[in-house]
Protein backbone atom coordinates (compact mmCIF):
# COMPACT_ATOMS: atom_id res chain seq x y z
CA MET A 1 54.42 83.76 84.63
CA SER A 2 50.91 83.49 86.08
CA LYS A 3 48.10 85.13 84.14
CA ARG A 4 47.13 86.83 87.39
CA ALA A 5 50.58 88.42 87.74
CA MET A 6 50.72 92.14 88.22
CA THR A 7 51.28 94.47 85.30
CA THR A 8 51.99 98.18 85.13
CA GLU A 9 48.39 98.83 84.08
CA LYS A 10 47.00 96.86 87.02
CA ILE A 11 49.25 98.70 89.48
CA ASP A 12 48.25 102.10 88.10
CA ALA A 13 44.61 101.08 88.47
CA LEU A 14 44.89 100.16 92.16
CA PRO A 15 42.70 102.51 94.25
CA ARG A 16 44.51 104.83 96.65
CA ARG A 17 42.48 106.49 99.37
CA LYS A 18 43.61 108.87 102.05
CA GLY A 19 44.13 107.24 105.45
CA GLU A 20 43.93 103.73 104.02
CA ARG A 21 46.74 101.25 103.31
CA TYR A 22 46.49 97.67 102.05
CA GLU A 23 48.68 95.01 100.45
CA VAL A 24 48.39 93.13 97.16
CA ALA A 25 50.46 90.07 96.24
CA ASP A 26 52.28 89.77 92.94
CA PRO A 27 51.88 86.17 91.72
CA GLY A 28 54.66 86.87 89.23
CA CYS A 29 57.33 86.62 91.94
CA ASP A 30 57.55 84.56 95.11
CA ARG A 31 57.01 86.59 98.33
CA LEU A 32 56.68 89.91 96.49
CA TRP A 33 53.89 92.19 97.69
CA LEU A 34 52.78 95.73 96.95
CA ARG A 35 51.86 97.94 99.89
CA VAL A 36 49.41 100.52 98.51
CA GLY A 37 49.15 103.86 100.31
CA ALA A 38 47.50 107.17 99.54
CA ARG A 39 50.73 108.71 98.24
CA ASP A 40 52.86 105.84 96.99
CA ILE A 41 53.14 102.11 96.43
CA VAL A 42 56.01 100.25 98.10
CA PHE A 43 57.39 96.88 97.03
CA VAL A 44 57.93 94.59 100.06
CA LEU A 45 59.25 91.07 100.50
CA ALA A 46 57.32 88.94 103.01
CA VAL A 47 59.72 86.63 104.84
CA ARG A 48 59.39 84.50 107.94
CA VAL A 49 61.88 85.20 110.72
CA GLU A 50 62.58 82.51 113.29
CA GLY A 51 60.79 83.20 116.58
CA LYS A 52 58.10 85.44 115.04
CA ARG A 53 54.56 84.34 114.24
CA ASP A 54 53.80 86.82 111.45
CA PRO A 55 55.91 87.39 108.31
CA THR A 56 58.31 90.32 108.32
CA ARG A 57 57.98 92.87 105.52
CA LEU A 58 61.33 93.93 104.03
CA LYS A 59 61.05 97.07 101.92
CA LEU A 60 62.56 96.78 98.45
CA GLY A 61 61.73 100.15 96.95
CA VAL A 62 59.00 102.55 95.78
CA TYR A 63 57.03 101.91 92.63
CA ALA A 64 58.60 104.25 90.07
CA GLU A 65 55.48 104.73 87.94
CA THR A 66 53.08 105.89 90.61
CA THR A 67 51.04 108.79 89.28
CA PRO A 68 47.29 109.49 89.15
CA GLY A 69 47.47 109.77 85.38
CA GLY A 70 49.51 106.60 84.93
CA ASP A 71 52.02 108.34 82.65
CA GLY A 72 55.00 106.51 84.13
CA SER A 73 56.43 109.37 86.21
CA ALA A 74 56.71 109.59 89.97
CA SER A 75 53.95 111.15 91.98
CA ALA A 76 54.66 114.72 93.07
CA ASP A 77 53.61 114.02 96.67
CA ALA A 78 55.38 110.67 97.00
CA LYS A 79 57.87 110.54 99.87
CA PRO A 80 60.05 107.47 99.34
CA GLY A 81 62.78 108.53 101.76
CA PRO A 82 65.89 106.42 101.27
CA LEU A 83 64.10 103.78 99.21
CA THR A 84 65.08 103.31 95.59
CA ARG A 85 62.48 103.87 92.87
CA LEU A 86 61.91 100.61 91.03
CA THR A 87 59.90 99.52 88.03
CA LEU A 88 57.89 96.32 88.34
CA GLU A 89 60.57 94.28 86.57
CA GLN A 90 63.33 95.78 88.70
CA ALA A 91 61.37 94.96 91.87
CA ARG A 92 60.93 91.35 90.74
CA GLU A 93 64.63 91.03 89.94
CA LYS A 94 65.58 92.42 93.35
CA ALA A 95 63.05 90.15 95.08
CA ARG A 96 64.50 87.07 93.38
CA ARG A 97 68.00 88.13 94.43
CA TRP A 98 66.91 88.61 98.04
CA ASN A 99 65.07 85.26 98.01
CA ALA A 100 68.29 83.55 96.90
CA TRP A 101 70.22 85.17 99.75
CA ILE A 102 67.57 84.16 102.27
CA LYS A 103 67.68 80.60 101.00
CA ALA A 104 71.45 80.64 101.49
CA GLY A 105 71.01 81.82 105.07
CA LEU A 106 72.22 85.37 104.43
CA ASP A 107 70.70 88.66 105.51
CA PRO A 108 69.54 90.28 102.24
CA ARG A 109 69.78 93.81 103.65
CA ALA A 110 73.40 93.27 104.69
CA GLU A 111 74.23 91.72 101.32
CA GLU A 112 72.58 94.58 99.46
CA ALA A 113 74.56 97.10 101.51
CA ARG A 114 77.75 95.18 100.76
CA LEU A 115 77.02 95.31 97.03
CA GLU A 116 76.38 99.05 97.22
CA VAL A 117 79.73 99.62 98.94
CA GLU A 118 81.47 97.43 96.39
CA ALA A 119 79.77 99.30 93.54
CA ALA A 120 80.96 102.60 95.00
CA LYS A 121 84.51 101.26 95.16
CA ARG A 122 84.27 99.97 91.61
CA SER A 123 83.13 103.37 90.38
CA GLY A 124 86.24 104.86 92.01
CA ALA A 125 88.58 102.36 90.32
CA THR A 126 88.66 104.41 87.14
CA PHE A 127 90.97 104.47 84.15
CA ARG A 128 92.33 107.77 85.50
CA ARG A 129 93.13 106.41 88.96
CA ALA A 130 94.77 103.24 87.62
CA LEU A 131 96.86 105.24 85.16
CA GLU A 132 98.02 107.64 87.89
CA ASP A 133 98.99 104.62 90.01
CA TYR A 134 100.90 103.17 87.08
CA LEU A 135 102.78 106.43 86.47
CA ALA A 136 103.79 106.43 90.14
CA HIS A 137 104.99 102.84 89.73
CA MET A 138 107.01 103.45 86.55
CA PRO A 139 110.18 105.00 88.07
CA GLY A 140 110.81 101.82 90.07
CA ARG A 141 110.77 99.45 87.08
CA LYS A 142 113.78 97.66 85.66
CA HIS A 143 115.04 98.56 82.17
CA ASN A 144 113.66 102.02 82.72
CA LYS A 145 115.74 104.37 80.60
CA SER A 146 112.78 105.87 78.73
CA VAL A 147 110.51 106.42 81.73
CA VAL A 148 110.50 110.22 81.42
CA GLU A 149 109.51 110.18 77.75
CA GLN A 150 106.92 107.45 78.34
CA GLU A 151 105.31 109.34 81.21
CA LYS A 152 105.11 112.51 79.11
CA HIS A 153 103.50 110.57 76.26
CA LEU A 154 100.89 108.94 78.49
CA ARG A 155 100.03 112.20 80.21
CA ARG A 156 99.81 114.11 76.94
CA GLU A 157 97.55 111.60 75.19
CA LEU A 158 95.47 110.19 78.08
CA LEU A 159 95.49 112.45 81.14
CA ASP A 160 96.22 116.10 80.44
CA ARG A 161 93.63 116.45 77.68
CA PRO A 162 90.40 114.66 78.69
CA GLU A 163 88.86 115.36 75.30
CA ARG A 164 91.37 112.92 73.83
CA ASN A 165 90.33 110.16 76.24
CA PRO A 166 86.54 109.89 76.68
CA PHE A 167 87.04 106.80 78.86
CA LEU A 168 89.19 108.56 81.46
CA ASP A 169 86.62 108.55 84.30
CA LYS A 170 85.03 105.19 83.49
CA PRO A 171 85.80 102.14 85.67
CA LEU A 172 88.85 100.36 84.32
CA VAL A 173 86.93 97.10 84.22
CA GLN A 174 84.77 98.64 81.45
CA ILE A 175 87.77 99.52 79.26
CA ASP A 176 88.22 96.81 76.66
CA ASP A 177 90.15 96.43 73.41
CA LEU A 178 87.48 98.37 71.52
CA ALA A 179 87.92 101.38 73.81
CA VAL A 180 91.69 101.23 73.33
CA ALA A 181 91.18 100.96 69.57
CA ALA A 182 89.09 104.16 69.62
CA ILE A 183 91.78 106.05 71.59
CA VAL A 184 94.60 104.86 69.36
CA ALA A 185 92.64 105.48 66.14
CA ALA A 186 92.04 109.10 67.15
CA VAL A 187 95.80 109.63 67.47
CA ARG A 188 96.54 107.77 64.24
CA ASN A 189 93.99 109.84 62.30
CA ARG A 190 95.36 113.23 63.47
CA PRO A 191 97.53 112.01 61.63
CA ALA A 192 100.27 110.81 63.98
CA PRO A 193 100.83 107.11 63.19
CA THR A 194 104.18 106.83 64.97
CA SER A 195 102.80 108.45 68.12
CA ALA A 196 99.74 106.17 67.89
CA PHE A 197 101.93 103.06 67.67
CA ASN A 198 104.01 104.15 70.65
CA LEU A 199 100.82 104.91 72.61
CA PHE A 200 99.41 101.48 71.74
CA ARG A 201 102.51 99.76 73.13
CA LEU A 202 102.43 101.89 76.30
CA ILE A 203 98.73 101.12 76.88
CA ARG A 204 99.36 97.41 76.33
CA THR A 205 102.11 97.50 78.96
CA PHE A 206 99.86 99.44 81.33
CA PHE A 207 97.09 96.82 80.98
CA ALA A 208 99.60 94.02 81.63
CA TRP A 209 100.54 95.78 84.88
CA ALA A 210 96.91 96.46 85.90
CA TYR A 211 95.83 92.83 85.24
CA ALA A 212 98.80 91.34 87.10
CA SER A 213 97.73 89.17 90.03
CA GLU A 214 99.05 91.63 92.60
CA ASN A 215 97.14 94.59 91.08
CA ARG A 216 93.91 93.45 89.44
CA LEU A 217 91.89 93.01 92.63
CA ARG A 218 92.60 96.66 93.46
CA TYR A 219 90.71 97.67 90.31
CA TYR A 220 88.09 94.87 90.44
CA LEU A 221 89.43 93.26 87.28
CA GLY A 222 89.00 89.68 86.16
CA PRO A 223 91.81 87.38 85.07
CA ASN A 224 91.44 88.06 81.33
CA ASN A 225 93.46 91.02 80.04
CA PRO A 226 91.67 92.39 76.92
CA MET A 227 94.99 93.66 75.53
CA ALA A 228 96.96 90.44 75.98
CA GLY A 229 98.39 89.28 72.66
CA ARG A 230 97.16 92.34 70.75
CA LYS A 231 99.40 93.55 67.94
CA GLY A 232 99.78 96.96 66.40
CA SER A 233 98.89 95.55 62.99
CA GLU A 234 95.34 94.94 64.24
CA TYR A 235 95.01 98.72 64.60
CA GLY A 236 96.71 99.56 61.33
CA LEU A 237 99.95 100.45 63.13
CA GLY A 238 103.55 99.35 63.03
CA PRO A 239 107.10 100.54 63.62
CA THR A 240 108.54 103.08 61.21
CA LYS A 241 111.31 101.42 59.23
CA ARG A 242 114.07 103.65 57.91
CA ARG A 243 114.64 102.94 54.22
CA ARG A 244 116.76 105.94 53.31
CA PHE A 245 120.39 106.54 54.22
CA LEU A 246 122.72 109.40 53.43
CA ASP A 247 124.85 108.99 50.31
CA ASP A 248 128.48 110.04 50.04
CA ASP A 249 127.70 113.62 49.04
CA GLU A 250 125.19 114.03 51.86
CA ARG A 251 127.64 112.65 54.42
CA ALA A 252 130.27 115.08 53.22
CA ALA A 253 127.77 117.94 53.48
CA TYR A 254 126.83 116.76 56.96
CA LEU A 255 130.43 116.87 58.13
CA ARG A 256 130.97 120.32 56.60
CA ALA A 257 127.93 121.63 58.45
CA ALA A 258 129.08 120.00 61.69
CA ALA A 259 132.56 121.50 61.32
CA ALA A 260 130.99 124.96 60.89
CA THR A 261 128.83 124.55 64.00
CA PRO A 262 130.33 125.77 67.33
CA TYR A 263 130.91 123.54 70.36
CA PRO A 264 129.10 121.55 71.68
CA TYR A 265 126.72 121.05 68.75
CA GLY A 266 129.25 120.57 65.97
CA PRO A 267 131.44 117.95 67.73
CA PHE A 268 128.29 116.22 69.00
CA TYR A 269 126.88 115.66 65.50
CA GLU A 270 130.25 114.81 64.08
CA ALA A 271 130.64 112.14 66.77
CA MET A 272 127.22 110.69 65.97
CA LEU A 273 128.18 110.12 62.36
CA LYS A 274 131.65 108.80 63.08
CA MET A 275 130.56 106.35 65.80
CA GLY A 276 127.04 105.43 64.67
CA GLN A 277 125.64 105.44 68.21
CA ARG A 278 122.29 106.68 69.50
CA GLU A 279 121.72 110.34 70.16
CA GLY A 280 121.21 110.03 73.93
CA GLU A 281 124.26 107.81 74.40
CA THR A 282 126.49 110.11 72.36
CA ALA A 283 125.19 113.18 74.19
CA GLY A 284 126.01 111.54 77.52
CA ILE A 285 129.59 110.52 76.74
CA ARG A 286 131.94 111.14 79.69
CA ARG A 287 135.69 111.32 79.97
CA SER A 288 135.66 108.47 82.50
CA GLU A 289 134.11 106.18 79.86
CA ILE A 290 136.94 106.67 77.33
CA ASP A 291 140.08 104.56 77.35
CA MET A 292 142.52 106.65 75.35
CA ALA A 293 145.25 103.97 75.39
CA ASP A 294 143.02 101.19 74.02
CA ARG A 295 141.02 103.62 71.84
CA LEU A 296 137.75 102.37 73.32
CA TRP A 297 134.58 104.04 74.55
CA THR A 298 132.64 101.86 77.01
CA ILE A 299 129.00 102.84 77.49
CA PRO A 300 127.93 101.67 80.97
CA LYS A 301 124.90 99.44 81.21
CA GLU A 302 122.96 102.16 83.04
CA ARG A 303 122.94 104.21 79.83
CA PHE A 304 122.75 101.50 77.19
CA LYS A 305 119.45 100.24 75.80
CA SER A 306 120.06 96.51 76.38
CA ASN A 307 121.10 97.15 80.01
CA ARG A 308 124.58 95.77 79.26
CA ALA A 309 127.89 97.57 78.93
CA HIS A 310 128.70 98.30 75.29
CA ALA A 311 132.21 98.84 73.90
CA VAL A 312 132.69 101.13 70.88
CA PRO A 313 136.09 101.11 69.10
CA LEU A 314 137.32 104.62 68.27
CA SER A 315 138.73 105.46 64.85
CA ASP A 316 141.64 107.84 64.23
CA GLN A 317 139.17 110.55 63.24
CA MET A 318 137.13 110.04 66.42
CA MET A 319 140.24 110.03 68.61
CA ALA A 320 141.32 113.32 67.07
CA LEU A 321 137.88 114.79 67.71
CA ILE A 322 137.86 113.67 71.37
CA GLU A 323 141.36 115.04 71.97
CA ALA A 324 140.39 118.38 70.42
CA VAL A 325 137.32 118.58 72.67
CA LEU A 326 139.24 117.63 75.82
CA ASN A 327 141.97 120.17 75.08
CA ARG A 328 139.48 123.03 74.96
CA LEU A 329 137.66 122.06 78.20
CA PRO A 330 138.59 123.24 81.71
CA ALA A 331 140.31 120.62 83.84
CA ASP A 332 137.29 120.09 86.13
CA MET A 333 135.12 119.22 83.13
CA ALA A 334 137.55 116.65 81.78
CA THR A 335 137.49 114.49 84.92
CA ALA A 336 135.25 111.51 85.68
CA CYS A 337 131.75 112.39 86.79
CA SER A 338 130.60 112.18 90.40
CA ALA A 339 127.21 111.19 91.82
CA SER A 340 125.87 114.72 91.85
CA THR A 341 123.42 115.73 89.14
CA THR A 342 125.24 118.99 88.45
CA ALA A 343 128.63 117.36 88.22
CA ARG A 344 127.25 114.59 86.08
CA ARG A 345 125.80 117.09 83.60
CA ARG A 346 129.03 119.10 83.51
CA SER A 347 131.13 115.98 82.88
CA ARG A 348 129.39 115.26 79.57
CA ILE A 349 131.92 116.47 77.05
CA LEU A 350 129.57 116.51 74.04
CA ALA A 351 126.07 116.96 75.49
CA PRO A 352 124.06 119.80 73.90
CA PRO A 353 122.26 121.97 76.52
CA CYS A 354 118.78 121.25 75.17
CA ARG A 355 117.05 119.70 72.20
CA ARG A 356 115.23 122.85 71.12
CA SER A 357 118.34 125.04 70.93
CA ASN A 358 120.04 122.06 69.31
CA ARG A 359 117.60 122.09 66.39
CA LEU A 360 117.73 125.87 66.05
CA CYS A 361 121.52 125.89 65.85
CA LEU A 362 121.62 123.20 63.18
CA ARG A 363 119.00 124.91 61.04
CA SER A 364 120.87 128.21 61.30
CA CYS A 365 124.06 126.46 60.26
CA ALA A 366 122.30 124.81 57.34
CA ARG A 367 121.10 128.17 56.08
CA SER A 368 124.53 129.81 56.36
CA SER A 369 126.55 126.87 54.98
CA PRO A 370 126.99 126.21 51.24
CA ALA A 371 126.23 122.55 52.02
CA PRO A 372 122.71 121.17 51.36
CA ARG A 373 120.08 121.57 54.11
CA TRP A 374 120.30 118.97 56.84
CA SER A 375 118.46 118.34 60.10
CA ARG A 376 118.92 116.60 63.39
CA GLY A 377 117.11 113.48 62.16
CA SER A 378 119.57 112.98 59.30
CA SER A 379 122.35 112.16 61.77
CA ARG A 380 120.74 108.91 62.89
CA ILE A 381 122.75 106.65 60.61
CA PRO A 382 123.64 103.02 61.42
CA ALA A 383 127.39 102.51 61.73
CA ALA A 384 127.35 99.88 58.98
CA ARG A 385 126.13 102.52 56.47
CA CYS A 386 128.73 105.19 57.31
CA GLY A 387 131.30 103.64 54.98
CA PRO A 388 134.78 105.15 54.79
CA ILE A 389 134.01 107.78 57.42
CA LEU A 390 134.24 105.22 60.26
CA ARG A 391 137.62 103.88 59.14
CA GLY A 392 140.45 105.57 60.97
């Protein structure tokens, strides 16, 4: 930079007299001038326009450190209007940018306006907006059996409580793996490691959707997804592996407690142990899915995790349980379900009305039964570990 280039001290020392205006060049940047007035100093870019003899002055902004005392604050009587306040270095940077546009044959004022509009759009493409868009997209996905639980988890941890997500209103393009690590670590340290691991996987899926070629331009994202290839182990997270299974005495106590529990809770938990299937699939069992002649329960692909129909052989004990349940139900509840939501709910022969009352009933039974205490979680036993109970 030229030794004669302007400095903040030199600008503050420029004389300003009422009714007088003059211009001073800044050798530190090509075409940059300072228009000195009584109230303020304006940065201008002197450019030659075809067909005009004299250079045209394009206003860049008002000098941000104009003050009689030179303390770096704006003058109280300065009237910059729509012009941006700029420091000397900011004015030089803007002048160089405008010079490059002029050299390329572009109108710098139009390009600057375009950048301002784009910046406004970028500021609106926030983490919050993208996540709301993703939640609206989720119901239409394939393999979507857990969409309700996933939406509740994302809303609970990221949307409904802003204090849990300090990045909620930041542009999504600014959210990187470090920001995600901070969000997940806060959940893990509550402590809620399982919830943190599930949240990590949901966020990773959300980022894959946002950075997909059909979506990323909407949020002004580049091609590189910061969460691609990330693993839970990098955040100190991982799936919870079950290492404990019920022994013979505990299984016997479980069945005694289930037998003492009224319908639909007792048969429901008894069926879980005798068939070794997931809670949601067992709760949704329908008469139309059971082949009594072949002693087979076929879970349709719409309700099975792998999105394929799954056949479950039924033992003598399970057949007896199903027959006992069907015999006590009204005829309209023992038929195949229809397309209506109400009919579909009524056709579930084992489904408990709700999870909360489910837990309360089991705990009450555990207190009143001579069997050891047991809980809803203890019924999640792989079929291979149920031993003699599964044999008919």
